[in-house]
Protein backbone atom coordinates (compact mmCIF):
# COMPACT_ATOMS: atom_id res chain seq x y z
CA MET A 1 42.06 21.72 -24.57
CA ILE A 2 41.48 24.38 -22.00
CA ASN A 3 43.79 24.78 -18.75
CA GLN A 4 43.88 26.47 -15.70
CA GLU A 5 45.75 29.45 -17.00
CA ASN A 6 43.08 29.91 -19.74
CA ILE A 7 40.42 29.93 -17.12
CA LYS A 8 42.12 32.40 -14.91
CA SER A 9 42.59 34.85 -17.96
CA LEU A 10 38.87 34.42 -18.84
CA GLU A 11 38.04 35.21 -15.09
CA ILE A 12 40.02 38.42 -15.38
CA ASP A 13 38.34 39.37 -18.57
CA ALA A 14 35.07 38.56 -17.13
CA SER A 15 35.69 40.79 -14.32
CA LYS A 16 36.61 43.56 -16.43
CA ASN A 17 33.51 43.18 -18.74
CA GLU A 18 31.37 43.16 -15.49
CA LYS A 19 32.81 46.50 -14.33
CA SER A 20 32.15 48.11 -17.74
CA ASP A 21 28.70 46.68 -18.10
CA GLU A 22 27.23 45.38 -14.66
CA ARG A 23 23.98 44.25 -16.70
CA LYS A 24 25.88 41.65 -18.54
CA LYS A 25 25.36 38.29 -16.98
CA PHE A 26 26.84 35.79 -19.26
CA ILE A 27 30.34 35.55 -20.97
CA ARG A 28 30.70 33.51 -23.99
CA ARG A 29 33.63 31.16 -24.00
CA PRO A 30 36.04 31.91 -26.78
CA ASP A 31 37.71 28.40 -26.24
CA LEU A 32 34.43 26.63 -26.97
CA ASP A 33 34.30 27.07 -30.66
CA VAL A 34 31.64 25.74 -33.18
CA MET A 35 33.36 22.36 -33.55
CA THR A 36 33.98 21.83 -29.94
CA ARG A 37 30.33 22.49 -29.14
CA LEU A 38 29.18 20.36 -31.94
CA LYS A 39 31.57 17.52 -30.55
CA ILE A 40 30.04 17.95 -26.99
CA ALA A 41 26.45 17.89 -28.30
CA PHE A 42 27.03 14.78 -30.65
CA THR A 43 28.72 12.80 -27.73
CA ALA A 44 25.77 13.66 -25.42
CA ILE A 45 23.26 12.57 -27.85
CA ILE A 46 24.90 9.20 -28.45
CA ALA A 47 25.22 8.74 -24.66
CA MET A 48 21.53 9.29 -24.21
CA ALA A 49 20.50 7.16 -26.96
CA GLU A 50 22.74 4.27 -25.72
CA LYS A 51 21.56 4.86 -22.15
CA GLN A 52 25.36 5.45 -21.16
CA ARG A 53 25.74 6.70 -17.54
CA GLY A 54 28.25 9.34 -16.43
CA THR A 55 28.97 10.64 -19.77
CA ILE A 56 27.13 13.94 -19.49
CA THR A 57 28.96 14.56 -16.05
CA ASN A 58 32.32 13.54 -17.54
CA LEU A 59 31.59 16.14 -20.32
CA ALA A 60 30.92 18.80 -17.86
CA LYS A 61 33.96 18.21 -15.75
CA GLU A 62 36.42 18.02 -19.05
CA TYR A 63 35.13 21.27 -20.45
CA LEU A 64 34.31 23.06 -17.15
CA ILE A 65 30.79 23.49 -17.99
CA SER A 66 27.44 22.76 -16.38
CA ARG A 67 25.26 19.42 -17.06
CA THR A 68 22.45 21.78 -18.15
CA PHE A 69 24.60 23.47 -20.77
CA VAL A 70 25.42 19.98 -22.14
CA TYR A 71 21.77 19.08 -22.49
CA MET A 72 20.90 22.58 -24.02
CA LEU A 73 23.63 21.83 -26.79
CA ALA A 74 22.33 18.28 -27.23
CA ASN A 75 18.85 19.50 -27.57
CA SER A 76 19.72 22.29 -30.01
CA LEU A 77 21.63 19.80 -32.18
CA ILE A 78 18.46 17.56 -32.15
CA GLU A 79 16.05 20.27 -33.07
CA ASP A 80 18.31 21.56 -35.94
CA SER A 81 18.83 17.93 -37.21
CA GLN A 82 15.05 17.34 -37.25
CA ILE A 83 14.64 20.35 -39.41
CA LYS A 84 17.45 19.21 -41.82
CA PHE A 85 16.77 15.62 -41.81
CA ALA A 86 13.05 15.09 -41.30
CA ASP A 87 13.17 11.38 -41.28
CA TYR A 88 15.75 10.82 -38.74
CA CYS A 89 15.18 10.43 -35.13
CA PRO A 90 17.66 9.24 -32.66
CA PRO A 91 16.69 5.85 -31.01
CA ALA A 92 16.40 7.36 -27.52
CA PHE A 93 13.69 9.58 -28.55
CA HIS A 94 11.60 7.15 -30.64
CA GLU A 95 7.93 7.32 -30.10
CA LYS A 96 8.17 3.70 -28.37
CA SER A 97 10.70 4.70 -25.85
CA SER A 98 8.73 7.84 -25.19
CA LEU A 99 5.60 5.80 -24.41
CA GLU A 100 7.57 3.32 -22.07
CA HIS A 101 8.94 6.36 -20.22
CA ILE A 102 5.46 7.92 -19.67
CA LEU A 103 4.09 4.50 -18.63
CA PHE A 104 6.99 3.89 -16.15
CA LEU A 105 6.82 7.47 -14.82
CA ARG A 106 3.13 7.32 -14.29
CA LEU A 107 2.55 3.98 -12.77
CA GLU A 108 5.61 2.91 -11.04
CA GLY A 109 6.94 6.43 -10.45
CA LYS A 110 3.56 7.81 -9.45
CA CYS A 111 4.21 11.00 -11.25
CA SER A 112 1.87 13.59 -12.06
CA ILE A 113 1.07 14.27 -15.95
CA GLU A 114 2.71 17.72 -15.32
CA ALA A 115 5.88 16.15 -13.79
CA ILE A 116 6.05 13.61 -16.74
CA SER A 117 5.92 16.52 -19.30
CA SER A 118 8.71 18.34 -17.53
CA PHE A 119 10.72 15.31 -17.64
CA LEU A 120 10.18 14.59 -21.39
CA LYS A 121 10.98 18.50 -22.34
CA ARG A 122 14.12 18.31 -20.25
CA PHE A 123 15.54 15.21 -22.04
CA GLY A 124 14.50 16.26 -25.55
CA PHE A 125 11.56 13.82 -26.30
CA ASP A 126 9.03 14.94 -28.87
CA ASN A 127 5.18 15.27 -28.08
CA SER A 128 5.86 16.06 -24.36
CA SER A 129 2.76 18.23 -24.04
CA VAL A 130 0.43 17.52 -21.09
CA GLY A 131 -2.47 17.26 -23.26
CA TYR A 132 -0.77 14.47 -25.45
CA ILE A 133 0.14 12.55 -22.46
CA SER A 134 -2.97 12.64 -20.84
CA GLN A 135 -4.75 11.41 -24.12
CA LEU A 136 -2.06 8.66 -24.74
CA LEU A 137 -2.69 7.32 -21.14
CA ASN A 138 -6.45 7.48 -21.51
CA ASP A 139 -6.34 5.46 -25.03
CA ILE A 140 -4.11 2.81 -23.26
CA GLY A 141 -6.46 2.53 -20.37
CA LEU A 142 -9.26 2.33 -22.57
CA LEU A 143 -7.79 -0.75 -24.30
CA LEU A 144 -7.51 -2.52 -20.80
CA PRO A 145 -10.30 -4.40 -19.12
CA ASN A 146 -11.49 -3.30 -15.59
CA THR A 147 -11.90 -7.11 -14.74
CA GLN A 148 -8.69 -9.45 -14.44
CA VAL A 149 -9.03 -11.77 -17.34
CA PHE A 150 -8.21 -15.59 -16.41
CA ASN A 151 -7.19 -18.04 -19.15
CA GLU A 152 -10.11 -18.84 -21.34
CA GLY A 153 -12.11 -21.82 -20.19
CA ASP A 154 -10.06 -22.20 -16.98
CA GLN A 155 -11.48 -21.58 -13.32
CA VAL A 156 -9.63 -20.55 -10.31
CA LYS A 157 -11.31 -20.45 -6.47
CA VAL A 158 -10.67 -17.17 -4.96
CA ILE A 159 -11.78 -15.20 -1.93
CA PHE A 160 -13.75 -11.92 -2.39
CA ALA A 161 -12.53 -9.17 -0.36
CA SER A 162 -14.93 -6.38 -1.37
CA ASP A 163 -14.91 -2.72 -0.21
CA GLU A 164 -15.14 0.81 -1.61
CA ILE A 165 -12.50 3.52 -1.72
CA PHE A 166 -13.29 7.23 -2.47
CA SER A 167 -12.17 9.73 -4.87
CA LYS A 168 -13.76 12.79 -2.97
CA ASN A 169 -17.43 11.59 -3.05
CA THR A 170 -17.22 9.19 -5.93
CA PRO A 171 -17.03 5.64 -4.87
CA ILE A 172 -14.56 3.05 -6.52
CA MET A 173 -15.77 -0.42 -6.04
CA ILE A 174 -12.98 -2.88 -5.56
CA THR A 175 -12.66 -6.70 -5.11
CA VAL A 176 -9.38 -8.36 -4.19
CA ASP A 177 -8.20 -11.84 -3.67
CA PRO A 178 -6.48 -11.56 -0.38
CA ILE A 179 -4.01 -14.52 -0.74
CA SER A 180 -2.45 -13.46 -3.96
CA THR A 181 -3.50 -9.86 -3.74
CA VAL A 182 -4.70 -9.69 -7.37
CA ILE A 183 -7.20 -6.87 -8.11
CA LEU A 184 -10.10 -8.95 -9.59
CA LYS A 185 -11.99 -5.84 -10.54
CA ILE A 186 -11.93 -2.26 -9.87
CA GLU A 187 -14.55 0.06 -11.33
CA LEU A 188 -15.77 3.97 -10.78
CA LEU A 189 -19.36 4.33 -10.22
CA ASP A 190 -21.84 7.19 -9.44
CA LYS A 191 -23.52 5.23 -6.43
CA ARG A 192 -23.03 2.38 -4.06
CA THR A 193 -26.01 0.11 -4.59
CA ALA A 194 -26.77 -3.65 -4.16
CA GLU A 195 -27.45 -3.88 -7.90
CA ALA A 196 -23.98 -2.50 -8.64
CA TRP A 197 -22.30 -4.94 -6.45
CA ILE A 198 -24.18 -7.76 -7.98
CA ASN A 199 -23.21 -6.68 -11.42
CA HIS A 200 -19.64 -6.24 -10.17
CA TRP A 201 -19.40 -9.83 -8.68
CA GLU A 202 -21.15 -11.37 -11.79
CA SER A 203 -18.56 -9.79 -14.32
CA ILE A 204 -15.71 -11.42 -11.94
CA GLU A 205 -17.45 -14.87 -12.02
CA ILE A 206 -17.88 -14.74 -15.80
CA ASN A 207 -14.14 -14.50 -16.16
CA GLY A 208 -13.56 -17.90 -14.50
CA TYR A 209 -13.23 -16.86 -10.75
CA ILE A 210 -15.15 -18.99 -8.21
CA PRO A 211 -15.78 -17.35 -4.92
CA ILE A 212 -14.90 -19.36 -1.83
CA TYR A 213 -16.29 -16.89 0.71
CA LEU A 214 -16.83 -13.16 1.10
CA VAL A 215 -14.89 -10.63 3.22
CA CYS A 216 -16.39 -7.38 3.73
CA ASP A 217 -17.74 -4.74 6.00
CA ALA A 218 -21.20 -4.16 7.16
CA GLY A 219 -22.28 -1.80 4.51
CA THR A 220 -25.98 -1.84 3.48
CA ALA A 221 -25.64 -2.18 -0.11
CA LEU A 222 -22.95 -5.00 0.39
CA ALA A 223 -25.18 -6.75 2.85
CA LYS A 224 -28.21 -6.74 0.50
CA ALA A 225 -26.21 -7.88 -2.53
CA HIS A 226 -24.75 -10.77 -0.59
CA GLU A 227 -28.28 -11.86 0.44
CA GLU A 228 -29.64 -11.60 -3.10
CA HIS A 229 -26.66 -12.92 -5.18
CA LEU A 230 -24.53 -14.91 -2.87
CA PRO A 231 -26.74 -16.44 -0.17
CA ASP A 232 -25.16 -19.68 0.10
CA LEU A 233 -21.68 -18.17 0.44
CA ILE A 234 -20.14 -17.34 3.92
CA LYS A 235 -19.85 -13.60 4.61
CA GLN A 236 -17.05 -12.71 6.93
CA LEU A 237 -17.36 -9.34 8.45
CA ASP A 238 -14.13 -7.37 8.74
CA THR A 239 -13.05 -7.83 12.42
CA TYR A 240 -10.91 -4.78 12.62
CA HIS A 241 -13.86 -2.38 11.48
CA ALA A 242 -16.33 -4.36 13.59
CA VAL A 243 -14.26 -4.08 17.08
CA ALA A 244 -10.91 -2.62 16.89
CA HIS A 245 -11.95 0.37 14.84
CA ILE A 246 -14.57 1.13 17.23
CA LEU A 247 -13.08 0.43 20.65
CA GLY A 248 -9.54 1.18 19.77
CA VAL A 249 -10.24 4.97 19.25
CA ILE A 250 -11.86 4.99 22.83
CA ASP A 251 -9.03 3.23 24.29
CA LYS A 252 -6.42 5.70 22.87
CA ARG A 253 -8.50 8.61 23.89
CA LEU A 254 -8.90 7.26 27.77
CA GLU A 255 -5.14 6.54 27.66
CA LYS A 256 -4.32 10.00 26.84
CA ALA A 257 -6.89 11.43 29.21
CA ALA A 258 -5.23 9.52 32.09
CA CYS A 259 -1.92 10.45 31.08
CA ASP A 260 -2.87 14.25 31.12
CA ALA A 261 -4.45 14.05 34.46
CA ILE A 262 -1.46 12.40 36.05
CA GLU A 263 0.83 15.10 34.50
CA LYS A 264 -1.58 17.82 35.88
CA GLU A 265 -1.60 16.19 39.34
CA TYR A 266 2.23 16.15 39.34
CA ALA A 267 2.57 19.71 38.13
CA SER A 268 0.24 20.95 40.92
CA ASN A 269 2.29 19.09 43.64
CA ILE A 270 5.56 20.80 42.40
CA ILE A 271 3.87 24.05 42.78
CA ILE A 272 2.96 23.34 46.43
CA GLU A 273 6.46 21.97 47.26
CA GLY A 274 8.23 25.19 45.90
CA ALA A 275 5.63 27.66 47.28
CA ASN A 276 6.46 30.46 49.57
CA TYR A 277 2.89 31.79 50.08
CA GLU A 278 0.65 32.77 53.14
CA GLU A 279 -1.24 29.72 54.73
CA SER A 280 -4.55 30.48 53.21
CA LYS A 281 -3.13 30.33 49.47
CA ILE A 282 -1.16 27.25 50.37
CA GLN A 283 -4.54 25.55 51.65
CA ARG A 284 -6.06 26.36 48.26
CA LEU A 285 -3.29 24.84 46.39
CA ILE A 286 -3.42 21.76 48.43
CA LYS A 287 -7.11 21.61 47.65
CA LYS A 288 -6.78 21.94 44.02
CA TYR A 289 -3.80 19.24 44.29
CA GLU A 290 -6.39 16.79 46.01
CA GLU A 291 -8.98 17.53 43.15
CA ASN A 292 -6.52 16.82 40.57
CA GLN A 293 -5.38 13.51 42.35
CA LYS A 294 -8.85 12.42 42.71
CA LYS A 295 -9.53 13.19 39.02
CA ALA A 296 -6.38 11.34 37.96
CA GLN A 297 -7.44 8.25 39.78
CA GLU A 298 -10.81 8.13 38.44
CA LEU A 299 -9.50 8.34 34.92
CA ILE A 300 -6.67 5.80 35.46
CA GLU A 301 -9.37 3.35 36.95
CA ARG A 302 -11.70 3.96 34.07
CA TYR A 303 -8.97 3.54 31.39
CA ASP A 304 -7.73 0.45 33.16
CA SER A 305 -11.22 -1.24 33.12
CA PHE A 306 -11.97 -0.27 29.64
CA HIS A 307 -8.55 -1.49 28.45
CA TYR A 308 -8.88 -4.75 30.05
CA LEU A 309 -12.31 -5.51 28.51
CA TYR A 310 -11.04 -4.36 25.18
CA ILE A 311 -7.96 -6.50 25.20
CA SER A 312 -10.32 -9.47 26.19
CA ILE A 313 -12.55 -9.09 23.29
CA LEU A 314 -9.47 -8.91 20.97
CA LYS A 315 -8.02 -12.20 22.68
CA GLU A 316 -11.29 -13.79 21.91
CA LEU A 317 -11.02 -13.26 18.34
CA GLU A 318 -7.72 -15.54 18.18
CA LEU A 319 -8.38 -18.87 16.59
CA PHE A 320 -5.88 -21.07 18.83
CA ASP A 321 -5.60 -21.42 22.44
CA GLU A 322 -1.86 -21.65 24.39
CA THR A 323 -1.67 -25.27 23.20
CA GLY A 324 -2.38 -24.80 19.57
CA LYS A 325 -5.85 -26.23 19.52
CA LEU A 326 -8.63 -24.56 17.61
CA ARG A 327 -10.86 -22.63 20.06
CA GLU A 328 -14.71 -23.11 20.21
CA ARG A 329 -16.74 -20.39 18.51
CA GLN A 330 -19.61 -20.69 20.89
CA ALA A 331 -17.34 -19.94 23.90
CA ALA A 332 -15.66 -16.97 22.12
CA GLU A 333 -19.04 -15.52 21.45
CA GLU A 334 -20.24 -15.70 25.14
CA ASN A 335 -17.09 -14.30 26.38
CA ILE A 336 -17.28 -11.28 24.09
CA GLU A 337 -20.94 -10.85 24.97
CA ALA A 338 -19.91 -10.81 28.62
CA CYS A 339 -17.31 -8.22 27.90
CA LEU A 340 -19.97 -6.12 26.04
CA ASP A 341 -22.26 -6.40 28.70
CA LEU A 342 -19.85 -4.98 31.14
CA LEU A 343 -18.97 -2.05 28.71
CA GLU A 344 -22.55 -1.25 28.38
CA THR A 345 -23.84 -1.33 32.05
CA GLU A 346 -20.54 -0.40 34.05
CA LEU A 347 -18.85 2.13 31.61
CA ASP A 348 -21.86 3.47 29.78
CA TYR A 349 -20.85 2.72 26.12
CA GLU A 350 -24.33 1.52 24.85
CA LYS A 351 -24.02 3.11 21.55
CA GLN A 352 -20.67 1.46 20.70
CA VAL A 353 -21.79 -1.90 22.09
CA LYS A 354 -25.03 -1.85 20.21
CA LYS A 355 -23.13 -1.18 17.10
CA ILE A 356 -20.70 -4.31 17.56
CA ARG A 357 -23.47 -6.54 18.52
CA ARG A 358 -25.24 -5.88 15.06
CA PHE A 359 -22.18 -7.57 13.76
CA MET A 360 -21.91 -10.50 15.86
CA GLY A 361 -23.93 -13.03 13.51
CA ASP A 362 -21.04 -12.87 10.97
CA LEU A 363 -18.12 -11.69 13.04
CA LEU A 364 -16.59 -15.06 13.92
CA ASN A 365 -17.37 -17.16 10.67
CA TYR A 366 -13.75 -17.69 10.02
CA PHE A 367 -13.91 -20.25 12.99
CA GLU A 368 -15.81 -22.48 10.91
CA ILE A 369 -13.69 -21.91 7.81
CA ALA A 370 -10.50 -22.75 9.97
CA GLU A 371 -12.17 -25.99 11.32
CA VAL A 372 -12.81 -27.38 7.82
CA ILE A 373 -9.24 -26.36 6.84
CA LEU A 374 -7.60 -28.27 9.94
CA GLU A 375 -9.92 -31.24 9.33
CA GLU A 376 -8.90 -31.51 5.65
CA LEU A 377 -5.30 -30.97 6.61
CA GLN A 378 -5.37 -33.84 8.76
CA ALA A 379 -7.47 -36.02 6.56
CA ASN A 380 -5.42 -35.52 3.37
CA HIS A 381 -1.91 -35.32 4.87
CA PRO A 382 -1.15 -38.19 7.20
CA GLU A 383 2.65 -37.30 7.39
CA ILE A 384 1.53 -34.19 9.48
CA SER A 385 1.20 -35.27 13.10
CA LYS A 386 -1.25 -33.46 15.45
CA GLU A 387 1.83 -31.94 17.46
CA VAL A 388 3.30 -30.37 14.39
CA LEU A 389 0.04 -29.03 13.12
CA GLU A 390 -0.63 -27.26 16.57
CA ALA A 391 2.88 -25.84 16.67
CA VAL A 392 2.73 -24.38 13.30
CA CYS A 393 -0.71 -22.88 13.93
CA LEU A 394 0.71 -21.19 17.04
CA ALA A 395 3.71 -19.89 15.06
CA TRP A 396 1.26 -18.57 12.24
CA GLN A 397 -0.84 -16.86 14.86
CA TRP A 398 2.06 -15.28 16.58
CA GLY A 399 3.17 -14.17 12.96
CA LYS A 400 -0.16 -12.37 12.20
CA LYS A 401 0.43 -10.48 15.57
CA LYS A 402 3.87 -9.58 14.65
CA VAL A 403 2.59 -7.85 11.43
CA LYS A 404 -0.23 -6.05 13.41
CA ALA A 405 2.23 -4.83 16.31
CA LYS A 406 3.25 -1.36 15.84
CA GLU A 407 5.61 -0.90 18.84
CA SER A 408 9.20 -2.38 18.04
CA ASN A 409 9.32 -4.27 21.57
CA ARG A 410 6.08 -5.81 20.90
CA LYS A 411 7.00 -6.89 17.26
CA ARG A 412 10.32 -8.39 18.53
CA PHE A 413 8.38 -10.29 21.31
CA CYS A 414 6.01 -11.70 18.72
CA ALA A 415 8.83 -12.54 16.34
CA ASN A 416 10.56 -14.62 19.00
CA LYS A 417 7.27 -16.49 19.86
CA GLU A 418 6.97 -17.26 16.03
CA LYS A 419 10.32 -18.49 15.88
CA TYR A 420 9.88 -20.61 19.07
CA TYR A 421 7.06 -22.32 17.77
CA TYR A 422 8.36 -23.05 14.30
CA ALA A 423 11.57 -24.60 16.04
CA MET A 424 9.19 -26.68 18.04
CA ALA A 425 7.37 -28.03 15.14
CA GLU A 426 10.63 -28.92 13.36
CA GLN A 427 11.96 -30.69 16.32
CA LYS A 428 8.60 -32.84 16.58
CA SER A 429 8.47 -33.42 12.73
CA SER A 430 10.01 -36.73 11.49
CA GLY A 431 11.60 -35.00 8.50
CA MET A 432 10.76 -32.92 5.46
CA PHE A 433 9.58 -30.06 7.75
CA ASP A 434 9.97 -27.32 5.23
CA GLU A 435 7.38 -28.99 3.01
CA ILE A 436 5.15 -29.79 5.72
CA LYS A 437 5.21 -26.23 6.97
CA GLU A 438 4.59 -24.69 3.40
CA LYS A 439 1.42 -27.18 3.06
CA ILE A 440 0.11 -26.02 6.43
CA LEU A 441 0.75 -22.15 5.88
CA LYS A 442 -0.81 -22.43 2.47
CA GLU A 443 -3.91 -23.72 3.75
CA LEU A 444 -4.06 -21.42 6.82
CA ALA A 445 -3.59 -18.54 4.40
CA GLU A 446 -7.48 -19.04 3.33
CA ILE A 447 -8.21 -17.95 6.84
CA ILE A 448 -9.09 -14.32 6.31
CA GLN A 449 -10.45 -12.08 9.37
CA SER A 450 -10.54 -8.69 7.68
CA SER A 451 -10.63 -6.91 4.36
CA SER A 452 -7.37 -5.11 5.16
CA ILE A 453 -5.88 -6.04 1.96
CA VAL A 454 -8.23 -3.33 0.20
CA GLU A 455 -6.84 -0.77 2.77
CA CYS A 456 -3.51 -1.93 1.06
CA ILE A 457 -4.64 -1.40 -2.39
CA ASN A 458 -6.22 1.96 -1.25
CA SER A 459 -2.70 2.98 -0.23
CA ILE A 460 -1.52 2.10 -3.64
CA VAL A 461 -4.30 3.94 -5.53
CA ARG A 462 -4.22 7.13 -3.32
CA PRO A 463 -1.19 8.75 -4.84
CA TYR A 464 -2.69 8.56 -8.18
CA ILE A 465 -5.93 10.00 -6.89
CA ASN A 466 -3.91 12.72 -5.42
CA ASN A 467 -1.97 13.56 -8.52
CA THR A 468 -5.24 13.64 -10.66
CA ARG A 469 -6.70 16.21 -7.79
CA SER A 470 -9.41 13.56 -7.21
CA GLN A 471 -10.45 13.65 -10.89
CA ILE A 472 -9.56 9.93 -11.60
CA SER A 473 -10.92 8.27 -14.52
CA GLN A 474 -11.80 4.43 -15.17
CA GLU A 475 -8.90 4.48 -17.84
CA LEU A 476 -6.39 5.16 -15.25
CA LEU A 477 -7.77 2.74 -12.81
CA ASN A 478 -7.51 -0.01 -15.57
CA LEU A 479 -3.83 0.94 -15.87
CA ILE A 480 -3.22 0.76 -12.10
CA MET A 481 -4.86 -2.57 -11.95
CA PHE A 482 -2.70 -4.08 -14.75
CA TYR A 483 0.46 -2.41 -13.07
CA HIS A 484 -0.32 -3.98 -9.64
CA ASN A 485 -1.41 -7.43 -10.76
CA HIS A 486 1.85 -7.82 -12.80
CA ARG A 487 4.44 -5.94 -11.00
CA ARG A 488 7.03 -7.75 -8.94
CA TYR A 489 7.04 -7.42 -5.17
CA LYS A 490 10.40 -6.15 -3.89
CA ALA A 491 9.93 -7.01 -0.15
CA GLY A 492 7.69 -8.95 2.36
CA LYS A 493 6.59 -12.66 2.16
CA ARG A 494 5.83 -12.12 -1.48
CA LYS A 495 9.05 -10.90 -2.57
CA GLY A 496 10.15 -11.69 -5.95
CA LYS A 497 6.63 -12.80 -7.07
CA THR A 498 3.85 -10.96 -8.93
CA PRO A 499 0.13 -11.22 -7.58
CA TYR A 500 -0.90 -12.70 -10.89
CA GLU A 501 1.95 -15.23 -10.68
CA ILE A 502 0.83 -16.27 -7.11
CA LEU A 503 -2.68 -16.69 -8.20
CA THR A 504 -2.12 -18.85 -11.30
CA GLY A 505 1.08 -20.70 -10.06
CA GLN A 506 2.64 -20.00 -13.42
CA ALA A 507 5.96 -18.18 -13.65
CA GLN A 508 5.55 -14.46 -15.22
CA THR A 509 8.89 -14.13 -17.30
CA LYS A 510 8.28 -10.71 -18.63
CA ASP A 511 8.36 -7.47 -16.64
CA TRP A 512 5.03 -5.63 -16.26
CA LEU A 513 6.20 -2.69 -18.70
CA ASP A 514 6.94 -5.18 -21.49
CA LEU A 515 3.74 -7.08 -20.95
CA LEU A 516 1.68 -3.58 -21.19
CA MET A 517 3.57 -2.75 -24.15
CA GLU A 518 2.83 -6.00 -25.87
CA THR A 519 -0.84 -5.79 -24.77
CA TYR A 520 -1.12 -2.38 -26.29
CA GLU A 521 0.53 -3.11 -29.41
CA GLU A 522 -1.69 -6.23 -30.07
CA LYS A 523 -4.84 -4.18 -29.26
CA GLN A 524 -3.55 -1.45 -31.60
CA ALA A 525 -3.12 -4.13 -34.40
CA LEU A 526 -6.68 -5.10 -34.09
CA LYS A 527 -8.21 -1.73 -34.43
């Protein structure tokens, strides 16, 4: 074993060697003889094979060497062993282990193929080339369907939340069940056409999924496909894209303009107060200040008027009034129309108002869905009193506001309101409140106002698209869908559950990687 005195003597010898030959960069350690190096390499291989944590670090500390040097010795021994003993391969570098690492890094780690290749090379895996990894992932993805398969002969009711996401200019059609968040189908196409959407929905229905209603934007192809294929199905337009996306941008722009004008007015006033100029120049500065003051006042008034009407429209999109009763759709539509009239005539936003009015026919369809749900709750569950139902509905509505809130103070306010109404509901219930609450929330979850879930899926798929330099393939989309549908949520209201588990109501006992490996092996066996 080496000690500090030996290290000091080595440092002295090294300094002498450096003076004699400045080009020499590395000094061979005479204390690390062949048997010592062999022992380090063998210990490291066993540690990696058995996935022991800390062994590499301990070896590095014990022999005063770097971790990289330990890995280098282990890899050298493995390469020499493979030449001498062709049939032997350490368990950690078995092909199956390599495949599991590739799938885990690609899907859960969201690593690029180049990064996966570097990882495999560093830790001594065979077949670590970029071409091999790419082809392997492509082969596995090819064996997976692009439509989520349900149990043969079974049927399940779902909501179709359909939209497109893009890889550069290439559209990716996607339909998600917003309650369970299961991706029902994801496919890469050349064009967005009504026929393509019809074929998309038909393939989902063939697999046992019955649509309750459709949530989508106002795209031409989607609208035409709905008319031709699902004419009897309620179509709920995305309220965010129909209203908030259009008017919200203007609201932010007007707010910024007003704030900038206020700062400009304030700055010009400071200049006047600190000025030591002749009278004529001071008068010019005062005139400039008055102009800035007038401009700021105009922008403040314009912003206040627009913001009031914008918030009023958003308020009309809420289902329940202050008492928890369901609001009337007709009254909400009339109030929205009145606000739009003022935006058009008083503030000259004719173009934006015209666009919103095109959506009005399908914008508030969720009011009808909510009415049916509430009627069924009261008819089928006599244990749920009207007072408890109204309080839980208000808590649910404040909960949705809490999720949408971006400012911490607003989020905290909504959370307190939500908590208050749940406490009120519990106080008014005669017992078994948790069960009653779950029944109500389960039904209210079917009220979907937007296709925001597709935006969430977009955020999941986007890193993969970026890693492929926007050259994403259908095979990779199949892998992403499998991973998402069977991975377990780590946070949020779905924490601890998988999307497919929520959809079917059946417990998923295996990890997504184990399920994927089983599926791959089964498909391979059938080839």
